[in-house]
């Protein structure tokens, strides 16, 4: 998704009009909605300072719009989150179950699954991360997806979790993140 598409999705999720968002970031009343429309349609690209104001007005983490550390674990996860929003259901997370019998065949990389109508016609390709932080993030994402599918959280709560992640992590106190929309005490 482009920055403009993300702004529009979050703005509509928050129930704000283009004019309300424009006024919230400091635009003049006349033309405030037009300026936001230009950003949402990618006619114009907002600079970082304006993106910070937009993130604050929308009460989301600025990293939805840009990252300070491209390629970091958090950036990687946000890419997946936005792909999940752009194409719901395209990312299916599942928990692997350990087979207690070690075969000793290190070249056997096949992972077996029970075929059901939920799987595509062609066998899917899996990916495993041997990177502790990404593993932790993926496990929590799997938990949120399971809660969503079980009806324990709503689609809105799931989206809120993603757009303010990692501050919404179960273990967010472990991470030292700056949240621009959170008022410091």
N, C-alpha and C. Protein backbone atom coordinates (compact mmCIF):
# COMPACT_ATOMS: atom_id res chain seq x y z
N UNK A 1 0.84 -1.18 0.00
CA UNK A 1 0.00 0.00 0.00
C UNK A 1 0.88 1.25 0.00
N UNK A 2 0.43 2.27 -0.68
CA UNK A 2 1.16 3.53 -0.68
C UNK A 2 0.87 4.28 0.62
N UNK A 3 1.67 5.29 0.90
CA UNK A 3 1.44 6.13 2.08
C UNK A 3 0.04 6.74 2.02
N UNK A 4 -0.34 7.23 0.84
CA UNK A 4 -1.67 7.83 0.69
C UNK A 4 -2.79 6.85 0.98
N UNK A 5 -2.65 5.63 0.50
CA UNK A 5 -3.67 4.60 0.76
C UNK A 5 -3.75 4.27 2.24
N UNK A 6 -2.60 4.25 2.91
CA UNK A 6 -2.59 3.98 4.35
C UNK A 6 -3.27 5.11 5.12
N UNK A 7 -2.97 6.36 4.73
CA UNK A 7 -3.60 7.50 5.40
C UNK A 7 -5.12 7.39 5.26
N UNK A 8 -5.59 7.12 4.05
CA UNK A 8 -7.03 7.03 3.82
C UNK A 8 -7.66 5.89 4.62
N UNK A 9 -7.02 4.74 4.63
CA UNK A 9 -7.57 3.59 5.36
C UNK A 9 -7.68 3.89 6.85
N UNK A 10 -6.61 4.46 7.42
CA UNK A 10 -6.64 4.76 8.85
C UNK A 10 -7.61 5.89 9.15
N UNK A 11 -7.66 6.91 8.29
CA UNK A 11 -8.59 8.04 8.50
C UNK A 11 -10.03 7.55 8.51
N UNK A 12 -10.39 6.71 7.53
CA UNK A 12 -11.77 6.21 7.49
C UNK A 12 -12.03 5.27 8.67
N UNK A 13 -11.02 4.50 9.08
CA UNK A 13 -11.16 3.64 10.26
C UNK A 13 -11.45 4.47 11.50
N UNK A 14 -10.83 5.63 11.59
CA UNK A 14 -11.04 6.53 12.73
C UNK A 14 -12.34 7.33 12.60
N UNK A 15 -13.00 7.25 11.44
CA UNK A 15 -14.26 7.96 11.26
C UNK A 15 -14.08 9.45 11.04
N UNK A 16 -12.93 9.84 10.52
CA UNK A 16 -12.64 11.26 10.28
C UNK A 16 -12.88 11.59 8.81
N UNK A 17 -13.30 12.81 8.57
CA UNK A 17 -13.40 13.31 7.20
C UNK A 17 -12.02 13.84 6.80
N UNK A 18 -11.85 14.06 5.52
CA UNK A 18 -10.60 14.66 5.04
C UNK A 18 -10.42 16.05 5.64
N UNK A 19 -11.50 16.78 5.74
CA UNK A 19 -11.43 18.13 6.30
C UNK A 19 -11.00 18.08 7.77
N UNK A 20 -11.59 17.16 8.55
CA UNK A 20 -11.23 17.04 9.97
C UNK A 20 -9.74 16.71 10.13
N UNK A 21 -9.24 15.80 9.30
CA UNK A 21 -7.82 15.47 9.39
C UNK A 21 -6.97 16.67 8.98
N UNK A 22 -7.36 17.34 7.92
CA UNK A 22 -6.61 18.52 7.48
C UNK A 22 -6.54 19.59 8.54
N UNK A 23 -7.66 19.84 9.21
CA UNK A 23 -7.67 20.83 10.29
C UNK A 23 -6.82 20.37 11.47
N UNK A 24 -6.88 19.07 11.77
CA UNK A 24 -6.13 18.52 12.90
C UNK A 24 -4.61 18.65 12.71
N UNK A 25 -4.15 18.65 11.46
CA UNK A 25 -2.71 18.79 11.21
C UNK A 25 -2.30 20.24 10.97
N UNK A 26 -3.28 21.16 11.02
CA UNK A 26 -2.95 22.57 10.96
C UNK A 26 -3.17 23.27 9.63
N UNK A 27 -3.89 22.64 8.70
CA UNK A 27 -4.18 23.31 7.43
C UNK A 27 -5.29 24.34 7.64
N UNK A 28 -5.31 25.35 6.78
CA UNK A 28 -6.37 26.35 6.79
C UNK A 28 -7.70 25.65 6.45
N UNK A 29 -8.80 26.16 7.01
CA UNK A 29 -10.10 25.52 6.78
C UNK A 29 -10.42 25.42 5.30
N UNK A 30 -10.16 26.51 4.58
CA UNK A 30 -10.40 26.49 3.14
C UNK A 30 -9.29 25.65 2.49
N UNK A 31 -9.66 24.55 1.93
CA UNK A 31 -8.69 23.70 1.24
C UNK A 31 -8.11 22.57 2.06
N UNK A 32 -8.47 22.47 3.34
CA UNK A 32 -7.92 21.40 4.19
C UNK A 32 -8.26 20.03 3.62
N UNK A 33 -9.51 19.86 3.19
CA UNK A 33 -9.93 18.57 2.64
C UNK A 33 -9.23 18.27 1.32
N UNK A 34 -9.02 19.31 0.52
CA UNK A 34 -8.35 19.14 -0.77
C UNK A 34 -6.91 18.67 -0.58
N UNK A 35 -6.21 19.25 0.39
CA UNK A 35 -4.81 18.85 0.65
C UNK A 35 -4.74 17.38 1.05
N UNK A 36 -5.63 16.96 1.94
CA UNK A 36 -5.63 15.56 2.37
C UNK A 36 -5.98 14.66 1.19
N UNK A 37 -6.93 15.07 0.38
CA UNK A 37 -7.29 14.28 -0.81
C UNK A 37 -6.09 14.11 -1.73
N UNK A 38 -5.29 15.15 -1.87
CA UNK A 38 -4.10 15.06 -2.72
C UNK A 38 -3.10 14.04 -2.17
N UNK A 39 -2.98 13.97 -0.85
CA UNK A 39 -2.07 12.99 -0.25
C UNK A 39 -2.64 11.57 -0.39
N UNK A 40 -3.93 11.44 -0.16
CA UNK A 40 -4.55 10.12 -0.23
C UNK A 40 -4.55 9.53 -1.64
N UNK A 41 -4.58 10.39 -2.65
CA UNK A 41 -4.54 9.91 -4.03
C UNK A 41 -3.13 9.86 -4.59
N UNK A 42 -2.15 10.19 -3.74
CA UNK A 42 -0.73 10.18 -4.12
C UNK A 42 -0.38 11.23 -5.16
N UNK A 43 -1.23 12.24 -5.29
CA UNK A 43 -0.91 13.37 -6.16
C UNK A 43 0.24 14.16 -5.56
N UNK A 44 0.22 14.25 -4.23
CA UNK A 44 1.31 14.87 -3.48
C UNK A 44 1.79 13.87 -2.44
N UNK A 45 3.06 13.98 -2.07
CA UNK A 45 3.63 13.10 -1.04
C UNK A 45 4.01 13.95 0.17
N UNK A 46 3.42 13.66 1.33
CA UNK A 46 3.73 14.47 2.51
C UNK A 46 5.17 14.23 2.99
N UNK A 47 5.79 15.29 3.49
CA UNK A 47 7.13 15.19 4.06
C UNK A 47 7.03 14.56 5.46
N UNK A 48 8.17 14.14 5.96
CA UNK A 48 8.23 13.44 7.25
C UNK A 48 7.58 14.24 8.38
N UNK A 49 7.82 15.54 8.45
CA UNK A 49 7.24 16.37 9.51
C UNK A 49 5.71 16.33 9.46
N UNK A 50 5.16 16.40 8.25
CA UNK A 50 3.71 16.34 8.10
C UNK A 50 3.20 14.93 8.42
N UNK A 51 3.95 13.92 8.03
CA UNK A 51 3.54 12.54 8.35
C UNK A 51 3.48 12.33 9.87
N UNK A 52 4.40 12.96 10.60
CA UNK A 52 4.36 12.88 12.06
C UNK A 52 3.07 13.50 12.60
N UNK A 53 2.67 14.65 12.04
CA UNK A 53 1.43 15.30 12.46
C UNK A 53 0.21 14.45 12.10
N UNK A 54 0.24 13.85 10.92
CA UNK A 54 -0.86 12.99 10.49
C UNK A 54 -0.96 11.78 11.42
N UNK A 55 0.17 11.16 11.73
CA UNK A 55 0.17 10.00 12.63
C UNK A 55 -0.39 10.39 14.00
N UNK A 56 0.01 11.54 14.49
CA UNK A 56 -0.49 12.00 15.79
C UNK A 56 -2.00 12.26 15.73
N UNK A 57 -2.47 12.91 14.68
CA UNK A 57 -3.90 13.19 14.55
C UNK A 57 -4.71 11.91 14.40
N UNK A 58 -4.12 10.91 13.75
CA UNK A 58 -4.82 9.63 13.56
C UNK A 58 -4.60 8.65 14.72
N UNK A 59 -3.76 9.04 15.68
CA UNK A 59 -3.44 8.21 16.84
C UNK A 59 -2.87 6.85 16.43
N UNK A 60 -1.84 6.91 15.59
CA UNK A 60 -1.14 5.70 15.16
C UNK A 60 0.36 5.93 15.23
N UNK A 61 1.08 4.85 15.21
CA UNK A 61 2.54 4.91 15.18
C UNK A 61 2.98 5.45 13.82
N UNK A 62 3.91 6.40 13.83
CA UNK A 62 4.39 7.00 12.58
C UNK A 62 5.02 5.98 11.65
N UNK A 63 5.47 4.86 12.19
CA UNK A 63 6.13 3.85 11.37
C UNK A 63 5.18 3.18 10.38
N UNK A 64 3.91 3.50 10.46
CA UNK A 64 2.99 3.04 9.42
C UNK A 64 3.27 3.77 8.11
N UNK A 65 3.90 4.94 8.19
CA UNK A 65 4.14 5.78 7.02
C UNK A 65 5.60 5.82 6.59
N UNK A 66 6.51 5.65 7.50
CA UNK A 66 7.94 5.60 7.17
C UNK A 66 8.67 4.93 8.33
N UNK A 67 9.87 4.47 8.05
CA UNK A 67 10.68 3.82 9.08
C UNK A 67 12.01 4.53 9.23
N UNK A 68 12.52 4.50 10.42
CA UNK A 68 13.82 5.09 10.69
C UNK A 68 14.94 4.09 10.43
N UNK A 69 14.59 2.80 10.47
CA UNK A 69 15.59 1.74 10.29
C UNK A 69 15.08 0.72 9.27
N UNK A 70 15.21 1.02 7.98
CA UNK A 70 14.73 0.06 6.97
C UNK A 70 15.38 -1.31 7.14
N UNK A 71 14.57 -2.34 7.00
CA UNK A 71 15.08 -3.70 7.10
C UNK A 71 15.12 -4.26 8.50
N UNK A 72 14.76 -3.45 9.51
CA UNK A 72 14.75 -3.97 10.88
C UNK A 72 13.54 -4.89 11.06
N UNK A 73 13.52 -5.64 12.14
CA UNK A 73 12.45 -6.60 12.39
C UNK A 73 11.08 -5.93 12.39
N UNK A 74 10.99 -4.73 12.98
CA UNK A 74 9.71 -4.03 13.04
C UNK A 74 9.25 -3.61 11.65
N UNK A 75 10.17 -3.15 10.82
CA UNK A 75 9.84 -2.76 9.45
C UNK A 75 9.34 -3.97 8.66
N UNK A 76 10.00 -5.06 8.85
CA UNK A 76 9.63 -6.32 8.21
C UNK A 76 8.19 -6.71 8.57
N UNK A 77 7.86 -6.63 9.86
CA UNK A 77 6.52 -7.00 10.32
C UNK A 77 5.46 -6.05 9.77
N UNK A 78 5.75 -4.75 9.76
CA UNK A 78 4.78 -3.79 9.22
C UNK A 78 4.48 -4.05 7.75
N UNK A 79 5.50 -4.44 7.00
CA UNK A 79 5.28 -4.80 5.59
C UNK A 79 4.27 -5.93 5.50
N UNK A 80 4.43 -6.94 6.34
CA UNK A 80 3.48 -8.05 6.37
C UNK A 80 2.08 -7.59 6.80
N UNK A 81 2.01 -6.73 7.82
CA UNK A 81 0.72 -6.24 8.30
C UNK A 81 -0.05 -5.52 7.19
N UNK A 82 0.66 -4.65 6.45
CA UNK A 82 -0.03 -3.90 5.40
C UNK A 82 -0.39 -4.79 4.22
N UNK A 83 0.40 -5.81 3.94
CA UNK A 83 0.03 -6.78 2.92
C UNK A 83 -1.24 -7.51 3.35
N UNK A 84 -1.33 -7.83 4.63
CA UNK A 84 -2.52 -8.49 5.19
C UNK A 84 -3.74 -7.59 5.07
N UNK A 85 -3.57 -6.28 5.22
CA UNK A 85 -4.69 -5.35 5.07
C UNK A 85 -5.07 -5.18 3.60
N UNK A 86 -4.08 -5.11 2.73
CA UNK A 86 -4.32 -4.91 1.30
C UNK A 86 -4.98 -6.14 0.68
N UNK A 87 -4.64 -7.30 1.18
CA UNK A 87 -5.18 -8.55 0.65
C UNK A 87 -5.50 -9.48 1.82
N UNK A 88 -6.64 -9.22 2.50
CA UNK A 88 -6.98 -10.00 3.70
C UNK A 88 -6.99 -11.51 3.42
N UNK A 89 -6.40 -12.24 4.35
CA UNK A 89 -6.36 -13.69 4.23
C UNK A 89 -5.22 -14.20 3.38
N UNK A 90 -4.41 -13.30 2.82
CA UNK A 90 -3.31 -13.75 1.97
C UNK A 90 -2.16 -14.33 2.79
N UNK A 91 -2.06 -13.94 4.03
CA UNK A 91 -1.02 -14.48 4.90
C UNK A 91 -1.69 -15.36 5.93
N UNK A 92 -1.39 -16.63 5.86
CA UNK A 92 -1.96 -17.61 6.80
C UNK A 92 -0.86 -18.07 7.74
N UNK A 93 -0.98 -17.72 8.97
CA UNK A 93 0.00 -18.16 9.96
C UNK A 93 -0.49 -19.46 10.59
N UNK A 94 0.43 -20.33 10.91
CA UNK A 94 0.08 -21.58 11.57
C UNK A 94 1.24 -22.01 12.44
N UNK A 95 0.91 -22.76 13.46
CA UNK A 95 1.92 -23.24 14.40
C UNK A 95 2.39 -24.61 13.96
N UNK A 96 3.69 -24.77 13.83
CA UNK A 96 4.25 -26.08 13.52
C UNK A 96 4.25 -26.91 14.80
N UNK A 97 4.08 -28.21 14.63
CA UNK A 97 4.09 -29.13 15.76
C UNK A 97 5.37 -29.96 15.67
N UNK A 98 6.08 -30.01 16.77
CA UNK A 98 7.37 -30.73 16.79
C UNK A 98 7.15 -32.23 16.64
N UNK A 99 7.94 -32.83 15.76
CA UNK A 99 7.97 -34.28 15.63
C UNK A 99 9.10 -34.76 16.53
N UNK A 100 8.77 -35.53 17.58
CA UNK A 100 9.81 -35.89 18.55
C UNK A 100 10.90 -36.82 17.99
N UNK A 101 10.61 -37.51 16.90
CA UNK A 101 11.60 -38.41 16.33
C UNK A 101 12.52 -37.69 15.38
N UNK A 102 13.78 -37.59 15.71
CA UNK A 102 14.73 -36.92 14.83
C UNK A 102 15.19 -37.91 13.77
N UNK A 103 15.13 -37.48 12.51
CA UNK A 103 15.47 -38.38 11.41
C UNK A 103 16.94 -38.31 11.05
N UNK A 104 17.60 -37.24 11.40
CA UNK A 104 19.00 -37.10 11.06
C UNK A 104 19.22 -36.69 9.62
N UNK A 105 18.15 -36.51 8.89
CA UNK A 105 18.27 -36.12 7.48
C UNK A 105 18.17 -34.60 7.39
N UNK A 106 19.29 -33.92 7.48
CA UNK A 106 19.28 -32.46 7.47
C UNK A 106 18.88 -31.90 6.12
N UNK A 107 18.95 -32.72 5.07
CA UNK A 107 18.56 -32.22 3.76
C UNK A 107 17.05 -32.36 3.50
N UNK A 108 16.32 -33.00 4.42
CA UNK A 108 14.87 -33.13 4.29
C UNK A 108 14.23 -31.88 4.86
N UNK A 109 13.82 -30.95 3.99
CA UNK A 109 13.22 -29.69 4.43
C UNK A 109 11.70 -29.68 4.29
N UNK A 110 11.11 -30.82 3.95
CA UNK A 110 9.66 -30.88 3.77
C UNK A 110 8.95 -30.77 5.10
N UNK A 111 7.88 -30.02 5.11
CA UNK A 111 6.99 -29.93 6.26
C UNK A 111 5.67 -30.47 5.79
N UNK A 112 5.14 -31.43 6.50
CA UNK A 112 3.90 -32.07 6.08
C UNK A 112 2.70 -31.37 6.70
N UNK A 113 1.59 -31.39 5.98
CA UNK A 113 0.36 -30.78 6.48
C UNK A 113 -0.81 -31.68 6.12
N UNK A 114 -1.90 -31.53 6.84
CA UNK A 114 -3.12 -32.28 6.56
C UNK A 114 -3.93 -31.49 5.55
N UNK A 115 -4.14 -32.06 4.39
CA UNK A 115 -4.82 -31.36 3.30
C UNK A 115 -6.30 -31.14 3.65
N UNK A 116 -6.74 -29.90 3.49
CA UNK A 116 -8.15 -29.55 3.67
C UNK A 116 -8.50 -28.52 2.61
N UNK A 117 -9.75 -28.11 2.59
CA UNK A 117 -10.18 -27.09 1.63
C UNK A 117 -9.57 -25.72 1.93
N UNK A 118 -8.99 -25.55 3.12
CA UNK A 118 -8.36 -24.28 3.49
C UNK A 118 -7.02 -24.07 2.79
N UNK A 119 -6.42 -25.13 2.29
CA UNK A 119 -5.13 -25.03 1.64
C UNK A 119 -5.31 -24.82 0.15
N UNK A 120 -4.37 -24.13 -0.49
CA UNK A 120 -4.47 -23.92 -1.95
C UNK A 120 -4.24 -25.24 -2.70
N UNK A 121 -4.60 -25.23 -3.99
CA UNK A 121 -4.44 -26.44 -4.81
C UNK A 121 -2.97 -26.86 -4.88
N UNK A 122 -2.08 -25.91 -5.04
CA UNK A 122 -0.65 -26.22 -5.04
C UNK A 122 -0.14 -26.16 -3.59
N UNK A 123 0.74 -27.06 -3.19
CA UNK A 123 1.27 -27.00 -1.82
C UNK A 123 1.94 -25.65 -1.56
N UNK A 124 1.62 -25.02 -0.43
CA UNK A 124 2.21 -23.72 -0.12
C UNK A 124 3.69 -23.86 0.25
N UNK A 125 4.40 -22.78 0.12
CA UNK A 125 5.80 -22.74 0.53
C UNK A 125 5.86 -22.08 1.90
N UNK A 126 6.55 -22.68 2.80
CA UNK A 126 6.67 -22.14 4.16
C UNK A 126 7.95 -21.36 4.32
N UNK A 127 8.02 -20.62 5.40
CA UNK A 127 9.22 -19.86 5.72
C UNK A 127 9.41 -19.94 7.23
N UNK A 128 10.64 -20.09 7.62
CA UNK A 128 10.98 -20.17 9.04
C UNK A 128 12.03 -19.11 9.33
N UNK A 129 11.86 -18.38 10.41
CA UNK A 129 12.81 -17.35 10.79
C UNK A 129 13.64 -17.84 11.97
N UNK A 130 14.90 -17.87 11.77
CA UNK A 130 15.80 -18.22 12.87
C UNK A 130 16.37 -16.92 13.42
N UNK A 131 15.46 -16.06 13.85
CA UNK A 131 15.80 -14.73 14.33
C UNK A 131 14.84 -14.45 15.48
N UNK A 132 15.33 -14.53 16.70
CA UNK A 132 14.51 -14.49 17.90
C UNK A 132 13.44 -13.43 17.93
N UNK A 133 13.78 -12.19 17.61
CA UNK A 133 12.81 -11.10 17.70
C UNK A 133 11.68 -11.29 16.69
N UNK A 134 12.01 -11.66 15.46
CA UNK A 134 10.97 -11.90 14.45
C UNK A 134 10.11 -13.09 14.87
N UNK A 135 10.74 -14.14 15.43
CA UNK A 135 9.98 -15.30 15.91
C UNK A 135 8.96 -14.87 16.96
N UNK A 136 9.38 -14.03 17.90
CA UNK A 136 8.47 -13.55 18.94
C UNK A 136 7.32 -12.75 18.33
N UNK A 137 7.64 -11.86 17.40
CA UNK A 137 6.62 -11.04 16.76
C UNK A 137 5.64 -11.91 15.99
N UNK A 138 6.14 -12.90 15.26
CA UNK A 138 5.27 -13.78 14.48
C UNK A 138 4.35 -14.62 15.38
N UNK A 139 4.87 -15.08 16.51
CA UNK A 139 4.04 -15.85 17.45
C UNK A 139 2.89 -15.00 17.97
N UNK A 140 3.18 -13.73 18.31
CA UNK A 140 2.11 -12.87 18.80
C UNK A 140 1.11 -12.57 17.69
N UNK A 141 1.57 -12.38 16.47
CA UNK A 141 0.66 -12.15 15.36
C UNK A 141 -0.24 -13.36 15.15
N UNK A 142 0.32 -14.56 15.23
CA UNK A 142 -0.48 -15.78 15.14
C UNK A 142 -1.57 -15.78 16.21
N UNK A 143 -1.21 -15.41 17.42
CA UNK A 143 -2.17 -15.35 18.52
C UNK A 143 -3.30 -14.36 18.20
N UNK A 144 -2.97 -13.17 17.69
CA UNK A 144 -4.01 -12.19 17.33
C UNK A 144 -4.92 -12.74 16.22
N UNK A 145 -4.34 -13.40 15.22
CA UNK A 145 -5.16 -13.99 14.15
C UNK A 145 -6.09 -15.06 14.71
N UNK A 146 -5.58 -15.88 15.63
CA UNK A 146 -6.42 -16.92 16.24
C UNK A 146 -7.55 -16.29 17.05
N UNK A 147 -7.25 -15.22 17.78
CA UNK A 147 -8.28 -14.52 18.54
C UNK A 147 -9.34 -13.94 17.60
N UNK A 148 -8.90 -13.38 16.48
CA UNK A 148 -9.84 -12.82 15.50
C UNK A 148 -10.76 -13.91 14.95
N UNK A 149 -10.18 -15.03 14.52
CA UNK A 149 -10.97 -16.11 13.93
C UNK A 149 -11.89 -16.79 14.95
N UNK A 150 -11.51 -16.75 16.23
CA UNK A 150 -12.33 -17.33 17.29
C UNK A 150 -13.40 -16.36 17.78
N UNK A 151 -13.38 -15.12 17.27
CA UNK A 151 -14.36 -14.12 17.68
C UNK A 151 -14.05 -13.48 19.02
N UNK A 152 -12.83 -13.68 19.53
CA UNK A 152 -12.43 -13.10 20.81
C UNK A 152 -12.09 -11.62 20.68
N UNK A 153 -11.67 -11.20 19.47
CA UNK A 153 -11.45 -9.79 19.18
C UNK A 153 -12.15 -9.48 17.85
N UNK A 154 -12.48 -8.22 17.66
CA UNK A 154 -13.15 -7.81 16.42
C UNK A 154 -12.10 -7.48 15.36
N UNK A 155 -12.55 -7.35 14.12
CA UNK A 155 -11.65 -6.94 13.04
C UNK A 155 -11.08 -5.56 13.36
N UNK A 156 -11.89 -4.68 13.99
CA UNK A 156 -11.43 -3.34 14.36
C UNK A 156 -10.33 -3.43 15.41
N UNK A 157 -10.49 -4.29 16.40
CA UNK A 157 -9.45 -4.46 17.42
C UNK A 157 -8.17 -5.05 16.82
N UNK A 158 -8.34 -5.95 15.87
CA UNK A 158 -7.20 -6.54 15.18
C UNK A 158 -6.44 -5.47 14.40
N UNK A 159 -7.17 -4.62 13.67
CA UNK A 159 -6.54 -3.54 12.91
C UNK A 159 -5.86 -2.55 13.85
N UNK A 160 -6.51 -2.19 14.94
CA UNK A 160 -5.93 -1.29 15.94
C UNK A 160 -4.63 -1.87 16.48
N UNK A 161 -4.62 -3.17 16.74
CA UNK A 161 -3.40 -3.82 17.22
C UNK A 161 -2.27 -3.65 16.20
N UNK A 162 -2.59 -3.82 14.92
CA UNK A 162 -1.56 -3.74 13.88
C UNK A 162 -1.06 -2.30 13.68
N UNK A 163 -1.94 -1.32 13.64
CA UNK A 163 -1.50 0.05 13.32
C UNK A 163 -0.77 0.71 14.48
N UNK A 164 -0.87 0.16 15.67
CA UNK A 164 -0.13 0.71 16.81
C UNK A 164 0.90 -0.27 17.35
N UNK A 165 1.13 -1.31 16.61
CA UNK A 165 2.15 -2.28 16.95
C UNK A 165 3.52 -1.64 16.75
N UNK A 166 4.54 -1.85 17.53
CA UNK A 166 4.71 -2.83 18.59
C UNK A 166 4.26 -2.36 19.97
N UNK A 167 3.75 -1.13 20.05
CA UNK A 167 3.31 -0.62 21.35
C UNK A 167 2.13 -1.39 21.90
N UNK A 168 1.44 -2.14 21.05
CA UNK A 168 0.31 -2.94 21.49
C UNK A 168 0.70 -4.39 21.76
N UNK A 169 2.00 -4.68 21.66
CA UNK A 169 2.47 -6.04 21.94
C UNK A 169 2.11 -6.43 23.38
N UNK A 170 1.91 -7.72 23.58
CA UNK A 170 1.66 -8.21 24.93
C UNK A 170 2.82 -7.82 25.85
N UNK A 171 4.02 -7.79 25.29
CA UNK A 171 5.22 -7.52 26.07
C UNK A 171 5.81 -6.16 25.70
N UNK A 172 4.96 -5.17 25.42
CA UNK A 172 5.45 -3.88 24.91
C UNK A 172 6.34 -3.15 25.91
N UNK A 173 6.19 -3.42 27.20
CA UNK A 173 7.04 -2.75 28.18
C UNK A 173 8.49 -3.18 28.02
N UNK A 174 8.70 -4.34 27.42
CA UNK A 174 10.05 -4.85 27.20
C UNK A 174 10.80 -4.03 26.14
N UNK A 175 10.03 -3.42 25.26
CA UNK A 175 10.63 -2.64 24.18
C UNK A 175 10.55 -1.16 24.52
N UNK A 176 11.56 -0.43 24.17
CA UNK A 176 11.61 1.00 24.46
C UNK A 176 11.24 1.75 23.19
N UNK A 177 9.96 1.95 22.97
CA UNK A 177 9.50 2.61 21.76
C UNK A 177 8.94 3.98 22.07
N UNK A 178 9.22 4.90 21.19
CA UNK A 178 8.65 6.23 21.26
C UNK A 178 7.32 6.21 20.52
N UNK A 179 6.28 6.63 21.19
CA UNK A 179 4.96 6.66 20.58
C UNK A 179 4.53 8.11 20.47
N UNK A 180 4.55 8.68 19.24
CA UNK A 180 4.29 10.12 19.09
C UNK A 180 2.88 10.53 19.50
N UNK A 181 1.90 9.66 19.41
CA UNK A 181 0.53 10.05 19.72
C UNK A 181 0.20 9.86 21.19
N UNK A 182 1.07 9.18 21.94
CA UNK A 182 0.83 8.96 23.37
C UNK A 182 1.35 10.15 24.15
N UNK A 183 0.54 10.69 25.02
CA UNK A 183 0.95 11.83 25.83
C UNK A 183 1.88 11.33 26.96
N UNK A 184 3.06 11.90 27.01
CA UNK A 184 4.01 11.54 28.06
C UNK A 184 3.60 12.17 29.37
N UNK A 185 3.77 11.43 30.45
CA UNK A 185 3.39 11.95 31.78
C UNK A 185 4.58 12.57 32.47
